[in-house]
Amino acid sequence: MALLNNQLKRLNNWLENRVKTLEEELENSKTDLENLELLYKNSSFLFDSKACENCETLENKVHYLIKTVDKLSKGKSNFENVLAS
């Protein structure tokens, strides 16, 4: 009976230590998650503000590229019509 009690006490001590360790890991993980969330919020804010600064420039480039592609397709179409006739 004494042997069983000693084994149970050791197991209980081990389990208590394991619970403490897991609780500490949980608290550390919560802190890490909060830090990551703050970092994500700050980085996305910076990204959005930079994108807005360049938005007008990018829109102008898109319109220019659309016009250029349109001219090239019309030119190709006209060239194919000339070759066909």
PDB file of N, CA and C in Angstrom:
ATOM      1  N   MET A   1       0.817  -1.194   0.000  1.00  0.00           N
ATOM      2  CA  MET A   1       0.000   0.000   0.000  1.00  0.00           C
ATOM      3  C   MET A   1       0.865   1.264   0.000  1.00  0.00           C
ATOM      4  N   ALA A   2       1.957   1.246   0.749  1.00  0.00           N
ATOM      5  CA  ALA A   2       2.850   2.410   0.824  1.00  0.00           C
ATOM      6  C   ALA A   2       3.508   2.655  -0.530  1.00  0.00           C
ATOM      7  N   LEU A   3       3.846   1.579  -1.220  1.00  0.00           N
ATOM      8  CA  LEU A   3       4.461   1.712  -2.555  1.00  0.00           C
ATOM      9  C   LEU A   3       3.500   2.377  -3.520  1.00  0.00           C
ATOM     10  N   LEU A   4       2.252   1.964  -3.473  1.00  0.00           N
ATOM     11  CA  LEU A   4       1.234   2.563  -4.338  1.00  0.00           C
ATOM     12  C   LEU A   4       1.036   4.040  -4.016  1.00  0.00           C
ATOM     13  N   ASN A   5       1.019   4.395  -2.740  1.00  0.00           N
ATOM     14  CA  ASN A   5       0.877   5.793  -2.343  1.00  0.00           C
ATOM     15  C   ASN A   5       2.048   6.642  -2.843  1.00  0.00           C
ATOM     16  N   ASN A   6       3.253   6.086  -2.748  1.00  0.00           N
ATOM     17  CA  ASN A   6       4.432   6.811  -3.237  1.00  0.00           C
ATOM     18  C   ASN A   6       4.363   7.034  -4.747  1.00  0.00           C
ATOM     19  N   GLN A   7       3.951   6.025  -5.475  1.00  0.00           N
ATOM     20  CA  GLN A   7       3.821   6.153  -6.927  1.00  0.00           C
ATOM     21  C   GLN A   7       2.760   7.183  -7.286  1.00  0.00           C
ATOM     22  N   LEU A   8       1.657   7.159  -6.561  1.00  0.00           N
ATOM     23  CA  LEU A   8       0.591   8.134  -6.830  1.00  0.00           C
ATOM     24  C   LEU A   8       1.039   9.549  -6.490  1.00  0.00           C
ATOM     25  N   LYS A   9       1.804   9.703  -5.417  1.00  0.00           N
ATOM     26  CA  LYS A   9       2.322  11.027  -5.061  1.00  0.00           C
ATOM     27  C   LYS A   9       3.277  11.545  -6.138  1.00  0.00           C
ATOM     28  N   ARG A  10       4.149  10.667  -6.606  1.00  0.00           N
ATOM     29  CA  ARG A  10       5.083  11.086  -7.682  1.00  0.00           C
ATOM     30  C   ARG A  10       4.329  11.453  -8.944  1.00  0.00           C
ATOM     31  N   LEU A  11       3.344  10.647  -9.292  1.00  0.00           N
ATOM     32  CA  LEU A  11       2.529  10.939 -10.471  1.00  0.00           C
ATOM     33  C   LEU A  11       1.785  12.251 -10.289  1.00  0.00           C
ATOM     34  N   ASN A  12       1.244  12.477  -9.117  1.00  0.00           N
ATOM     35  CA  ASN A  12       0.529  13.706  -8.827  1.00  0.00           C
ATOM     36  C   ASN A  12       1.472  14.909  -8.931  1.00  0.00           C
ATOM     37  N   ASN A  13       2.671  14.809  -8.376  1.00  0.00           N
ATOM     38  CA  ASN A  13       3.656  15.890  -8.471  1.00  0.00           C
ATOM     39  C   ASN A  13       4.034  16.173  -9.915  1.00  0.00           C
ATOM     40  N   TRP A  14       4.240  15.085 -10.673  1.00  0.00           N
ATOM     41  CA  TRP A  14       4.591  15.256 -12.083  1.00  0.00           C
ATOM     42  C   TRP A  14       3.464  15.955 -12.833  1.00  0.00           C
ATOM     43  N   LEU A  15       2.227  15.526 -12.570  1.00  0.00           N
ATOM     44  CA  LEU A  15       1.073  16.125 -13.244  1.00  0.00           C
ATOM     45  C   LEU A  15       0.909  17.600 -12.856  1.00  0.00           C
ATOM     46  N   GLU A  16       1.113  17.917 -11.579  1.00  0.00           N
ATOM     47  CA  GLU A  16       1.021  19.315 -11.157  1.00  0.00           C
ATOM     48  C   GLU A  16       2.079  20.173 -11.847  1.00  0.00           C
ATOM     49  N   ASN A  17       3.297  19.655 -11.944  1.00  0.00           N
ATOM     50  CA  ASN A  17       4.360  20.384 -12.643  1.00  0.00           C
ATOM     51  C   ASN A  17       4.042  20.541 -14.127  1.00  0.00           C
ATOM     52  N   ARG A  18       3.490  19.489 -14.688  1.00  0.00           N
ATOM     53  CA  ARG A  18       3.131  19.542 -16.121  1.00  0.00           C
ATOM     54  C   ARG A  18       2.040  20.568 -16.358  1.00  0.00           C
ATOM     55  N   VAL A  19       1.046  20.642 -15.473  1.00  0.00           N
ATOM     56  CA  VAL A  19      -0.033  21.624 -15.592  1.00  0.00           C
ATOM     57  C   VAL A  19       0.539  23.035 -15.497  1.00  0.00           C
ATOM     58  N   LYS A  20       1.461  23.269 -14.551  1.00  0.00           N
ATOM     59  CA  LYS A  20       2.089  24.591 -14.420  1.00  0.00           C
ATOM     60  C   LYS A  20       2.839  24.964 -15.699  1.00  0.00           C
ATOM     61  N   THR A  21       3.574  24.009 -16.232  1.00  0.00           N
ATOM     62  CA  THR A  21       4.325  24.258 -17.466  1.00  0.00           C
ATOM     63  C   THR A  21       3.377  24.600 -18.614  1.00  0.00           C
ATOM     64  N   LEU A  22       2.304  23.856 -18.746  1.00  0.00           N
ATOM     65  CA  LEU A  22       1.345  24.098 -19.824  1.00  0.00           C
ATOM     66  C   LEU A  22       0.634  25.442 -19.648  1.00  0.00           C
ATOM     67  N   GLU A  23       0.345  25.809 -18.403  1.00  0.00           N
ATOM     68  CA  GLU A  23      -0.273  27.114 -18.163  1.00  0.00           C
ATOM     69  C   GLU A  23       0.669  28.249 -18.559  1.00  0.00           C
ATOM     70  N   GLU A  24       1.960  28.091 -18.251  1.00  0.00           N
ATOM     71  CA  GLU A  24       2.948  29.097 -18.647  1.00  0.00           C
ATOM     72  C   GLU A  24       3.048  29.187 -20.175  1.00  0.00           C
ATOM     73  N   GLU A  25       3.070  28.048 -20.838  1.00  0.00           N
ATOM     74  CA  GLU A  25       3.120  28.033 -22.302  1.00  0.00           C
ATOM     75  C   GLU A  25       1.884  28.696 -22.898  1.00  0.00           C
ATOM     76  N   LEU A  26       0.735  28.450 -22.275  1.00  0.00           N
ATOM     77  CA  LEU A  26      -0.501  29.058 -22.750  1.00  0.00           C
ATOM     78  C   LEU A  26      -0.433  30.570 -22.629  1.00  0.00           C
ATOM     79  N   GLU A  27       0.039  31.066 -21.502  1.00  0.00           N
ATOM     80  CA  GLU A  27       0.163  32.517 -21.313  1.00  0.00           C
ATOM     81  C   GLU A  27       1.153  33.111 -22.314  1.00  0.00           C
ATOM     82  N   ASN A  28       2.266  32.423 -22.540  1.00  0.00           N
ATOM     83  CA  ASN A  28       3.245  32.895 -23.533  1.00  0.00           C
ATOM     84  C   ASN A  28       2.640  32.907 -24.931  1.00  0.00           C
ATOM     85  N   SER A  29       1.862  31.896 -25.248  1.00  0.00           N
ATOM     86  CA  SER A  29       1.222  31.822 -26.562  1.00  0.00           C
ATOM     87  C   SER A  29       0.201  32.946 -26.737  1.00  0.00           C
ATOM     88  N   LYS A  30      -0.538  33.244 -25.675  1.00  0.00           N
ATOM     89  CA  LYS A  30      -1.500  34.344 -25.743  1.00  0.00           C
ATOM     90  C   LYS A  30      -0.790  35.662 -25.998  1.00  0.00           C
ATOM     91  N   THR A  31       0.323  35.880 -25.312  1.00  0.00           N
ATOM     92  CA  THR A  31       1.099  37.097 -25.504  1.00  0.00           C
ATOM     93  C   THR A  31       1.632  37.169 -26.929  1.00  0.00           C
ATOM     94  N   ASP A  32       2.154  36.066 -27.432  1.00  0.00           N
ATOM     95  CA  ASP A  32       2.659  36.028 -28.813  1.00  0.00           C
ATOM     96  C   ASP A  32       1.552  36.336 -29.809  1.00  0.00           C
ATOM     97  N   LEU A  33       0.369  35.778 -29.579  1.00  0.00           N
ATOM     98  CA  LEU A  33      -0.756  36.021 -30.473  1.00  0.00           C
ATOM     99  C   LEU A  33      -1.153  37.486 -30.457  1.00  0.00           C
ATOM    100  N   GLU A  34      -1.210  38.087 -29.287  1.00  0.00           N
ATOM    101  CA  GLU A  34      -1.549  39.509 -29.196  1.00  0.00           C
ATOM    102  C   GLU A  34      -0.522  40.358 -29.931  1.00  0.00           C
ATOM    103  N   ASN A  35       0.760  40.021 -29.776  1.00  0.00           N
ATOM    104  CA  ASN A  35       1.814  40.759 -30.473  1.00  0.00           C
ATOM    105  C   ASN A  35       1.691  40.607 -31.989  1.00  0.00           C
ATOM    106  N   LEU A  36       1.387  39.407 -32.442  1.00  0.00           N
ATOM    107  CA  LEU A  36       1.217  39.177 -33.882  1.00  0.00           C
ATOM    108  C   LEU A  36       0.016  39.939 -34.428  1.00  0.00           C
ATOM    109  N   GLU A  37      -1.073  39.970 -33.653  1.00  0.00           N
ATOM    110  CA  GLU A  37      -2.254  40.712 -34.096  1.00  0.00           C
ATOM    111  C   GLU A  37      -1.941  42.199 -34.216  1.00  0.00           C
ATOM    112  N   LEU A  38      -1.210  42.748 -33.255  1.00  0.00           N
ATOM    113  CA  LEU A  38      -0.812  44.155 -33.327  1.00  0.00           C
ATOM    114  C   LEU A  38       0.087  44.413 -34.530  1.00  0.00           C
ATOM    115  N   LEU A  39       1.013  43.523 -34.751  1.00  0.00           N
ATOM    116  CA  LEU A  39       1.922  43.667 -35.891  1.00  0.00           C
ATOM    117  C   LEU A  39       1.157  43.616 -37.199  1.00  0.00           C
ATOM    118  N   TYR A  40       0.201  42.687 -37.312  1.00  0.00           N
ATOM    119  CA  TYR A  40      -0.601  42.569 -38.528  1.00  0.00           C
ATOM    120  C   TYR A  40      -1.418  43.828 -38.765  1.00  0.00           C
ATOM    121  N   LYS A  41      -2.052  44.345 -37.705  1.00  0.00           N
ATOM    122  CA  LYS A  41      -2.863  45.553 -37.848  1.00  0.00           C
ATOM    123  C   LYS A  41      -2.002  46.728 -38.291  1.00  0.00           C
ATOM    124  N   ASN A  42      -0.828  46.868 -37.697  1.00  0.00           N
ATOM    125  CA  ASN A  42       0.052  47.978 -38.061  1.00  0.00           C
ATOM    126  C   ASN A  42       0.601  47.829 -39.471  1.00  0.00           C
ATOM    127  N   SER A  43       0.959  46.619 -39.867  1.00  0.00           N
ATOM    128  CA  SER A  43       1.518  46.428 -41.201  1.00  0.00           C
ATOM    129  C   SER A  43       0.458  46.618 -42.274  1.00  0.00           C
ATOM    130  N   SER A  44      -0.762  46.160 -42.026  1.00  0.00           N
ATOM    131  CA  SER A  44      -1.803  46.338 -43.038  1.00  0.00           C
ATOM    132  C   SER A  44      -2.178  47.808 -43.155  1.00  0.00           C
ATOM    133  N   PHE A  45      -2.129  48.548 -42.049  1.00  0.00           N
ATOM    134  CA  PHE A  45      -2.413  49.983 -42.104  1.00  0.00           C
ATOM    135  C   PHE A  45      -1.363  50.688 -42.941  1.00  0.00           C
ATOM    136  N   LEU A  46      -0.087  50.340 -42.731  1.00  0.00           N
ATOM    137  CA  LEU A  46       0.980  50.970 -43.512  1.00  0.00           C
ATOM    138  C   LEU A  46       0.854  50.608 -44.980  1.00  0.00           C
ATOM    139  N   PHE A  47       0.532  49.370 -45.259  1.00  0.00           N
ATOM    140  CA  PHE A  47       0.390  48.943 -46.648  1.00  0.00           C
ATOM    141  C   PHE A  47      -0.746  49.697 -47.333  1.00  0.00           C
ATOM    142  N   ASP A  48      -1.890  49.811 -46.663  1.00  0.00           N
ATOM    143  CA  ASP A  48      -3.027  50.502 -47.247  1.00  0.00           C
ATOM    144  C   ASP A  48      -2.730  51.965 -47.506  1.00  0.00           C
ATOM    145  N   SER A  49      -2.034  52.626 -46.594  1.00  0.00           N
ATOM    146  CA  SER A  49      -1.754  54.043 -46.786  1.00  0.00           C
ATOM    147  C   SER A  49      -0.790  54.237 -47.948  1.00  0.00           C
ATOM    148  N   LYS A  50       0.181  53.347 -48.119  1.00  0.00           N
ATOM    149  CA  LYS A  50       1.098  53.457 -49.246  1.00  0.00           C
ATOM    150  C   LYS A  50       0.369  53.192 -50.557  1.00  0.00           C
ATOM    151  N   ALA A  51      -0.522  52.224 -50.556  1.00  0.00           N
ATOM    152  CA  ALA A  51      -1.269  51.904 -51.768  1.00  0.00           C
ATOM    153  C   ALA A  51      -2.129  53.089 -52.178  1.00  0.00           C
ATOM    154  N   CYS A  52      -2.727  53.762 -51.221  1.00  0.00           N
ATOM    155  CA  CYS A  52      -3.563  54.920 -51.527  1.00  0.00           C
ATOM    156  C   CYS A  52      -2.743  56.059 -52.118  1.00  0.00           C
ATOM    157  N   GLU A  53      -1.510  56.213 -51.673  1.00  0.00           N
ATOM    158  CA  GLU A  53      -0.648  57.268 -52.203  1.00  0.00           C
ATOM    159  C   GLU A  53      -0.373  57.042 -53.691  1.00  0.00           C
ATOM    160  N   ASN A  54      -0.256  55.798 -54.097  1.00  0.00           N
ATOM    161  CA  ASN A  54       0.082  55.461 -55.482  1.00  0.00           C
ATOM    162  C   ASN A  54      -1.141  55.139 -56.327  1.00  0.00           C
ATOM    163  N   CYS A  55      -2.312  55.210 -55.758  1.00  0.00           N
ATOM    164  CA  CYS A  55      -3.521  54.772 -56.439  1.00  0.00           C
ATOM    165  C   CYS A  55      -3.753  55.529 -57.744  1.00  0.00           C
ATOM    166  N   GLU A  56      -3.650  56.829 -57.704  1.00  0.00           N
ATOM    167  CA  GLU A  56      -3.898  57.624 -58.914  1.00  0.00           C
ATOM    168  C   GLU A  56      -2.880  57.306 -60.001  1.00  0.00           C
ATOM    169  N   THR A  57      -1.624  57.170 -59.611  1.00  0.00           N
ATOM    170  CA  THR A  57      -0.572  56.827 -60.575  1.00  0.00           C
ATOM    171  C   THR A  57      -0.843  55.466 -61.205  1.00  0.00           C
ATOM    172  N   LEU A  58      -1.237  54.519 -60.377  1.00  0.00           N
ATOM    173  CA  LEU A  58      -1.516  53.181 -60.896  1.00  0.00           C
ATOM    174  C   LEU A  58      -2.724  53.170 -61.826  1.00  0.00           C
ATOM    175  N   GLU A  59      -3.750  53.936 -61.480  1.00  0.00           N
ATOM    176  CA  GLU A  59      -4.916  54.021 -62.361  1.00  0.00           C
ATOM    177  C   GLU A  59      -4.533  54.597 -63.717  1.00  0.00           C
ATOM    178  N   ASN A  60      -3.696  55.629 -63.731  1.00  0.00           N
ATOM    179  CA  ASN A  60      -3.243  56.210 -64.994  1.00  0.00           C
ATOM    180  C   ASN A  60      -2.461  55.195 -65.819  1.00  0.00           C
ATOM    181  N   LYS A  61      -1.624  54.419 -65.166  1.00  0.00           N
ATOM    182  CA  LYS A  61      -0.861  53.396 -65.889  1.00  0.00           C
ATOM    183  C   LYS A  61      -1.784  52.327 -66.464  1.00  0.00           C
ATOM    184  N   VAL A  62      -2.798  51.954 -65.720  1.00  0.00           N
ATOM    185  CA  VAL A  62      -3.755  50.947 -66.204  1.00  0.00           C
ATOM    186  C   VAL A  62      -4.474  51.468 -67.442  1.00  0.00           C
ATOM    187  N   HIS A  63      -4.940  52.712 -67.401  1.00  0.00           N
ATOM    188  CA  HIS A  63      -5.626  53.292 -68.561  1.00  0.00           C
ATOM    189  C   HIS A  63      -4.694  53.365 -69.765  1.00  0.00           C
ATOM    190  N   TYR A  64      -3.443  53.754 -69.538  1.00  0.00           N
ATOM    191  CA  TYR A  64      -2.472  53.819 -70.630  1.00  0.00           C
ATOM    192  C   TYR A  64      -2.265  52.431 -71.236  1.00  0.00           C
ATOM    193  N   LEU A  65      -2.122  51.427 -70.400  1.00  0.00           N
ATOM    194  CA  LEU A  65      -1.903  50.069 -70.906  1.00  0.00           C
ATOM    195  C   LEU A  65      -3.122  49.537 -71.659  1.00  0.00           C
ATOM    196  N   ILE A  66      -4.305  49.858 -71.185  1.00  0.00           N
ATOM    197  CA  ILE A  66      -5.522  49.428 -71.883  1.00  0.00           C
ATOM    198  C   ILE A  66      -5.586  50.067 -73.271  1.00  0.00           C
ATOM    199  N   LYS A  67      -5.284  51.358 -73.355  1.00  0.00           N
ATOM    200  CA  LYS A  67      -5.286  52.040 -74.660  1.00  0.00           C
ATOM    201  C   LYS A  67      -4.245  51.433 -75.594  1.00  0.00           C
ATOM    202  N   THR A  68      -3.065  51.150 -75.064  1.00  0.00           N
ATOM    203  CA  THR A  68      -1.990  50.578 -75.884  1.00  0.00           C
ATOM    204  C   THR A  68      -2.385  49.205 -76.413  1.00  0.00           C
ATOM    205  N   VAL A  69      -2.938  48.366 -75.549  1.00  0.00           N
ATOM    206  CA  VAL A  69      -3.361  47.031 -75.978  1.00  0.00           C
ATOM    207  C   VAL A  69      -4.480  47.136 -77.009  1.00  0.00           C
ATOM    208  N   ASP A  70      -5.386  48.079 -76.812  1.00  0.00           N
ATOM    209  CA  ASP A  70      -6.486  48.277 -77.754  1.00  0.00           C
ATOM    210  C   ASP A  70      -5.949  48.670 -79.134  1.00  0.00           C
ATOM    211  N   LYS A  71      -4.978  49.583 -79.151  1.00  0.00           N
ATOM    212  CA  LYS A  71      -4.378  50.001 -80.428  1.00  0.00           C
ATOM    213  C   LYS A  71      -3.676  48.828 -81.108  1.00  0.00           C
ATOM    214  N   LEU A  72      -2.963  48.039 -80.307  1.00  0.00           N
ATOM    215  CA  LEU A  72      -2.244  46.896 -80.884  1.00  0.00           C
ATOM    216  C   LEU A  72      -3.207  45.868 -81.453  1.00  0.00           C
ATOM    217  N   SER A  73      -4.327  45.596 -80.749  1.00  0.00           N
ATOM    218  CA  SER A  73      -5.275  44.624 -81.283  1.00  0.00           C
ATOM    219  C   SER A  73      -5.944  45.125 -82.554  1.00  0.00           C
ATOM    220  N   LYS A  74      -6.277  46.417 -82.570  1.00  0.00           N
ATOM    221  CA  LYS A  74      -6.887  46.971 -83.786  1.00  0.00           C
ATOM    222  C   LYS A  74      -5.893  46.941 -84.931  1.00  0.00           C
ATOM    223  N   GLY A  75      -4.643  47.243 -84.629  1.00  0.00           N
ATOM    224  CA  GLY A  75      -3.603  47.210 -85.661  1.00  0.00           C
ATOM    225  C   GLY A  75      -3.427  45.807 -86.213  1.00  0.00           C
ATOM    226  N   LYS A  76      -3.438  44.813 -85.361  1.00  0.00           N
ATOM    227  CA  LYS A  76      -3.298  43.427 -85.796  1.00  0.00           C
ATOM    228  C   LYS A  76      -4.498  43.024 -86.643  1.00  0.00           C
ATOM    229  N   SER A  77      -5.678  43.429 -86.196  1.00  0.00           N
ATOM    230  CA  SER A  77      -6.893  43.102 -86.942  1.00  0.00           C
ATOM    231  C   SER A  77      -6.851  43.740 -88.329  1.00  0.00           C
ATOM    232  N   ASN A  78      -6.471  45.026 -88.390  1.00  0.00           N
ATOM    233  CA  ASN A  78      -6.361  45.709 -89.690  1.00  0.00           C
ATOM    234  C   ASN A  78      -5.315  45.047 -90.575  1.00  0.00           C
ATOM    235  N   PHE A  79      -4.192  44.658 -90.003  1.00  0.00           N
ATOM    236  CA  PHE A  79      -3.138  43.999 -90.759  1.00  0.00           C
ATOM    237  C   PHE A  79      -3.631  42.672 -91.325  1.00  0.00           C
ATOM    238  N   GLU A  80      -4.380  41.908 -90.542  1.00  0.00           N
ATOM    239  CA  GLU A  80      -4.902  40.624 -91.012  1.00  0.00           C
ATOM    240  C   GLU A  80      -5.934  40.837 -92.130  1.00  0.00           C
ATOM    241  N   ASN A  81      -6.730  41.910 -92.009  1.00  0.00           N
ATOM    242  CA  ASN A  81      -7.699  42.229 -93.076  1.00  0.00           C
ATOM    243  C   ASN A  81      -6.996  42.581 -94.380  1.00  0.00           C
ATOM    244  N   VAL A  82      -5.916  43.336 -94.283  1.00  0.00           N
ATOM    245  CA  VAL A  82      -5.147  43.698 -95.485  1.00  0.00           C
ATOM    246  C   VAL A  82      -4.554  42.445 -96.122  1.00  0.00           C
ATOM    247  N   LEU A  83      -4.007  41.569 -95.300  1.00  0.00           N
ATOM    248  CA  LEU A  83      -3.415  40.341 -95.831  1.00  0.00           C
ATOM    249  C   LEU A  83      -4.489  39.447 -96.477  1.00  0.00           C
ATOM    250  N   ALA A  84      -5.687  39.436 -95.891  1.00  0.00           N
ATOM    251  CA  ALA A  84      -6.743  38.585 -96.417  1.00  0.00           C
ATOM    252  C   ALA A  84      -7.233  39.087 -97.762  1.00  0.00           C
ATOM    253  N   SER A  85      -7.190  40.411 -97.981  1.00  0.00           N
ATOM    254  CA  SER A  85      -7.675  40.932 -99.252  1.00  0.00           C
ATOM    255  C   SER A  85      -6.556  40.905-100.238  1.00  0.00           C
TER     256      SER A  85
END
